[in-house]
Amino acid sequence: MNHLRRLQYEKPVLFWVLVAVAFWIGLQVVLYVAALLLGPLGLPSWAPIVAVLAVAVVVARRQQRSR
């Protein structure tokens, strides 16, 4: 963590580019896994996106309730 904090202060542009790339790759992996799980069910191609968003909403609501 200390390395990331130092990178954020010394080279903020590189830090945010790395954060954006990591977010993009993470999102692609999550959507790929959702498509693998939902693929055999014969659902439309937008179903994995809806499933990922629904799970994100459920997690966010549970986190807010626990406060």
N, C-alpha and C. Protein backbone atom coordinates (compact mmCIF):
# COMPACT_ATOMS: atom_id res chain seq x y z
N MET A 1 0.82 -1.20 0.00
CA MET A 1 0.00 0.00 0.00
C MET A 1 0.86 1.26 0.00
N ASN A 2 1.96 1.20 0.73
CA ASN A 2 2.83 2.36 0.80
C ASN A 2 3.38 2.71 -0.58
N HIS A 3 3.66 1.68 -1.38
CA HIS A 3 4.16 1.92 -2.73
C HIS A 3 3.12 2.64 -3.59
N LEU A 4 1.86 2.22 -3.47
CA LEU A 4 0.79 2.88 -4.24
C LEU A 4 0.59 4.33 -3.78
N ARG A 5 0.66 4.56 -2.49
CA ARG A 5 0.50 5.92 -1.97
C ARG A 5 1.63 6.82 -2.50
N ARG A 6 2.86 6.28 -2.51
CA ARG A 6 3.99 7.06 -3.00
C ARG A 6 3.84 7.34 -4.50
N LEU A 7 3.39 6.32 -5.24
CA LEU A 7 3.16 6.50 -6.67
C LEU A 7 2.09 7.55 -6.92
N GLN A 8 1.05 7.59 -6.08
CA GLN A 8 -0.02 8.57 -6.24
C GLN A 8 0.50 9.99 -6.06
N TYR A 9 1.42 10.19 -5.12
CA TYR A 9 1.96 11.53 -4.88
C TYR A 9 3.03 11.92 -5.89
N GLU A 10 3.87 10.97 -6.29
CA GLU A 10 4.99 11.30 -7.17
C GLU A 10 4.58 11.35 -8.64
N LYS A 11 3.73 10.43 -9.06
CA LYS A 11 3.30 10.37 -10.46
C LYS A 11 1.79 10.13 -10.51
N PRO A 12 1.01 11.17 -10.27
CA PRO A 12 -0.45 10.98 -10.19
C PRO A 12 -1.08 10.53 -11.51
N VAL A 13 -0.54 10.96 -12.63
CA VAL A 13 -1.14 10.56 -13.92
C VAL A 13 -0.96 9.07 -14.13
N LEU A 14 0.23 8.57 -13.87
CA LEU A 14 0.49 7.14 -14.01
C LEU A 14 -0.38 6.33 -13.04
N PHE A 15 -0.53 6.83 -11.82
CA PHE A 15 -1.36 6.15 -10.84
C PHE A 15 -2.79 6.02 -11.33
N TRP A 16 -3.38 7.10 -11.84
CA TRP A 16 -4.78 7.05 -12.28
C TRP A 16 -4.95 6.24 -13.55
N VAL A 17 -3.94 6.22 -14.41
CA VAL A 17 -4.00 5.35 -15.59
C VAL A 17 -4.00 3.89 -15.16
N LEU A 18 -3.15 3.55 -14.19
CA LEU A 18 -3.12 2.18 -13.67
C LEU A 18 -4.44 1.81 -12.98
N VAL A 19 -5.03 2.74 -12.25
CA VAL A 19 -6.31 2.48 -11.60
C VAL A 19 -7.39 2.24 -12.65
N ALA A 20 -7.42 3.05 -13.70
CA ALA A 20 -8.42 2.89 -14.76
C ALA A 20 -8.25 1.56 -15.48
N VAL A 21 -7.01 1.19 -15.78
CA VAL A 21 -6.75 -0.08 -16.47
C VAL A 21 -7.15 -1.26 -15.58
N ALA A 22 -6.81 -1.19 -14.29
CA ALA A 22 -7.17 -2.27 -13.36
C ALA A 22 -8.70 -2.39 -13.24
N PHE A 23 -9.39 -1.26 -13.18
CA PHE A 23 -10.85 -1.28 -13.11
C PHE A 23 -11.44 -1.91 -14.36
N TRP A 24 -10.92 -1.53 -15.53
CA TRP A 24 -11.42 -2.05 -16.79
C TRP A 24 -11.20 -3.56 -16.90
N ILE A 25 -10.00 -4.01 -16.54
CA ILE A 25 -9.70 -5.45 -16.61
C ILE A 25 -10.58 -6.21 -15.61
N GLY A 26 -10.74 -5.67 -14.41
CA GLY A 26 -11.58 -6.32 -13.42
C GLY A 26 -13.01 -6.45 -13.88
N LEU A 27 -13.54 -5.39 -14.48
CA LEU A 27 -14.92 -5.42 -14.99
C LEU A 27 -15.06 -6.45 -16.11
N GLN A 28 -14.08 -6.51 -16.99
CA GLN A 28 -14.12 -7.48 -18.08
C GLN A 28 -14.10 -8.91 -17.55
N VAL A 29 -13.29 -9.17 -16.53
CA VAL A 29 -13.22 -10.51 -15.95
C VAL A 29 -14.54 -10.88 -15.29
N VAL A 30 -15.13 -9.95 -14.54
CA VAL A 30 -16.41 -10.22 -13.89
C VAL A 30 -17.51 -10.49 -14.92
N LEU A 31 -17.54 -9.70 -15.97
CA LEU A 31 -18.55 -9.92 -17.02
C LEU A 31 -18.32 -11.25 -17.75
N TYR A 32 -17.06 -11.61 -17.94
CA TYR A 32 -16.75 -12.88 -18.60
C TYR A 32 -17.22 -14.06 -17.75
N VAL A 33 -16.95 -14.00 -16.46
CA VAL A 33 -17.38 -15.07 -15.57
C VAL A 33 -18.91 -15.15 -15.53
N ALA A 34 -19.57 -13.99 -15.48
CA ALA A 34 -21.04 -13.99 -15.48
C ALA A 34 -21.57 -14.58 -16.78
N ALA A 35 -20.94 -14.26 -17.89
CA ALA A 35 -21.38 -14.81 -19.17
C ALA A 35 -21.16 -16.32 -19.22
N LEU A 36 -20.08 -16.80 -18.62
CA LEU A 36 -19.84 -18.25 -18.58
C LEU A 36 -20.91 -18.95 -17.76
N LEU A 37 -21.30 -18.33 -16.64
CA LEU A 37 -22.30 -18.96 -15.77
C LEU A 37 -23.70 -18.89 -16.37
N LEU A 38 -24.01 -17.79 -17.04
CA LEU A 38 -25.36 -17.61 -17.58
C LEU A 38 -25.51 -18.08 -19.02
N GLY A 39 -24.41 -18.37 -19.69
CA GLY A 39 -24.45 -18.76 -21.10
C GLY A 39 -25.31 -19.98 -21.39
N PRO A 40 -25.16 -21.06 -20.62
CA PRO A 40 -25.95 -22.27 -20.93
C PRO A 40 -27.46 -22.08 -20.75
N LEU A 41 -27.89 -21.01 -20.11
CA LEU A 41 -29.31 -20.81 -19.88
C LEU A 41 -30.04 -20.23 -21.09
N GLY A 42 -29.29 -19.81 -22.11
CA GLY A 42 -29.90 -19.28 -23.32
C GLY A 42 -30.48 -17.89 -23.16
N LEU A 43 -29.94 -17.11 -22.25
CA LEU A 43 -30.43 -15.75 -22.02
C LEU A 43 -29.84 -14.79 -23.04
N PRO A 44 -30.42 -13.59 -23.19
CA PRO A 44 -29.87 -12.60 -24.13
C PRO A 44 -28.46 -12.16 -23.71
N SER A 45 -27.76 -11.53 -24.64
CA SER A 45 -26.36 -11.15 -24.39
C SER A 45 -26.23 -10.07 -23.32
N TRP A 46 -27.28 -9.31 -23.04
CA TRP A 46 -27.20 -8.27 -22.02
C TRP A 46 -27.47 -8.80 -20.62
N ALA A 47 -27.84 -10.05 -20.49
CA ALA A 47 -28.15 -10.63 -19.17
C ALA A 47 -26.97 -10.62 -18.20
N PRO A 48 -25.73 -10.90 -18.63
CA PRO A 48 -24.62 -10.82 -17.67
C PRO A 48 -24.41 -9.42 -17.10
N ILE A 49 -24.62 -8.40 -17.91
CA ILE A 49 -24.47 -7.02 -17.43
C ILE A 49 -25.52 -6.72 -16.36
N VAL A 50 -26.75 -7.12 -16.62
CA VAL A 50 -27.82 -6.91 -15.65
C VAL A 50 -27.55 -7.69 -14.37
N ALA A 51 -27.06 -8.90 -14.50
CA ALA A 51 -26.76 -9.72 -13.32
C ALA A 51 -25.66 -9.08 -12.48
N VAL A 52 -24.60 -8.60 -13.12
CA VAL A 52 -23.49 -7.96 -12.39
C VAL A 52 -23.97 -6.68 -11.70
N LEU A 53 -24.78 -5.89 -12.38
CA LEU A 53 -25.30 -4.66 -11.77
C LEU A 53 -26.24 -4.98 -10.61
N ALA A 54 -27.06 -6.02 -10.75
CA ALA A 54 -27.96 -6.40 -9.66
C ALA A 54 -27.18 -6.85 -8.43
N VAL A 55 -26.14 -7.63 -8.63
CA VAL A 55 -25.31 -8.06 -7.50
C VAL A 55 -24.63 -6.86 -6.86
N ALA A 56 -24.15 -5.91 -7.66
CA ALA A 56 -23.51 -4.71 -7.12
C ALA A 56 -24.49 -3.89 -6.28
N VAL A 57 -25.73 -3.78 -6.73
CA VAL A 57 -26.75 -3.04 -5.97
C VAL A 57 -27.06 -3.74 -4.66
N VAL A 58 -27.19 -5.05 -4.69
CA VAL A 58 -27.47 -5.80 -3.46
C VAL A 58 -26.33 -5.65 -2.46
N VAL A 59 -25.10 -5.74 -2.93
CA VAL A 59 -23.95 -5.58 -2.04
C VAL A 59 -23.92 -4.17 -1.46
N ALA A 60 -24.17 -3.17 -2.27
CA ALA A 60 -24.15 -1.78 -1.79
C ALA A 60 -25.24 -1.54 -0.75
N ARG A 61 -26.42 -2.09 -0.97
CA ARG A 61 -27.51 -1.91 0.00
C ARG A 61 -27.20 -2.60 1.32
N ARG A 62 -26.62 -3.79 1.25
CA ARG A 62 -26.26 -4.49 2.49
C ARG A 62 -25.17 -3.76 3.25
N GLN A 63 -24.24 -3.16 2.53
CA GLN A 63 -23.19 -2.39 3.20
C GLN A 63 -23.76 -1.16 3.88
N GLN A 64 -24.74 -0.52 3.26
CA GLN A 64 -25.35 0.67 3.87
C GLN A 64 -26.15 0.29 5.10
N ARG A 65 -26.82 -0.83 5.08
CA ARG A 65 -27.62 -1.26 6.24
C ARG A 65 -26.76 -1.60 7.43
N SER A 66 -25.54 -2.07 7.19
CA SER A 66 -24.69 -2.51 8.30
C SER A 66 -24.07 -1.34 9.05
N ARG A 67 -24.22 -0.13 8.58
CA ARG A 67 -23.63 1.03 9.26
C ARG A 67 -24.46 1.48 10.39
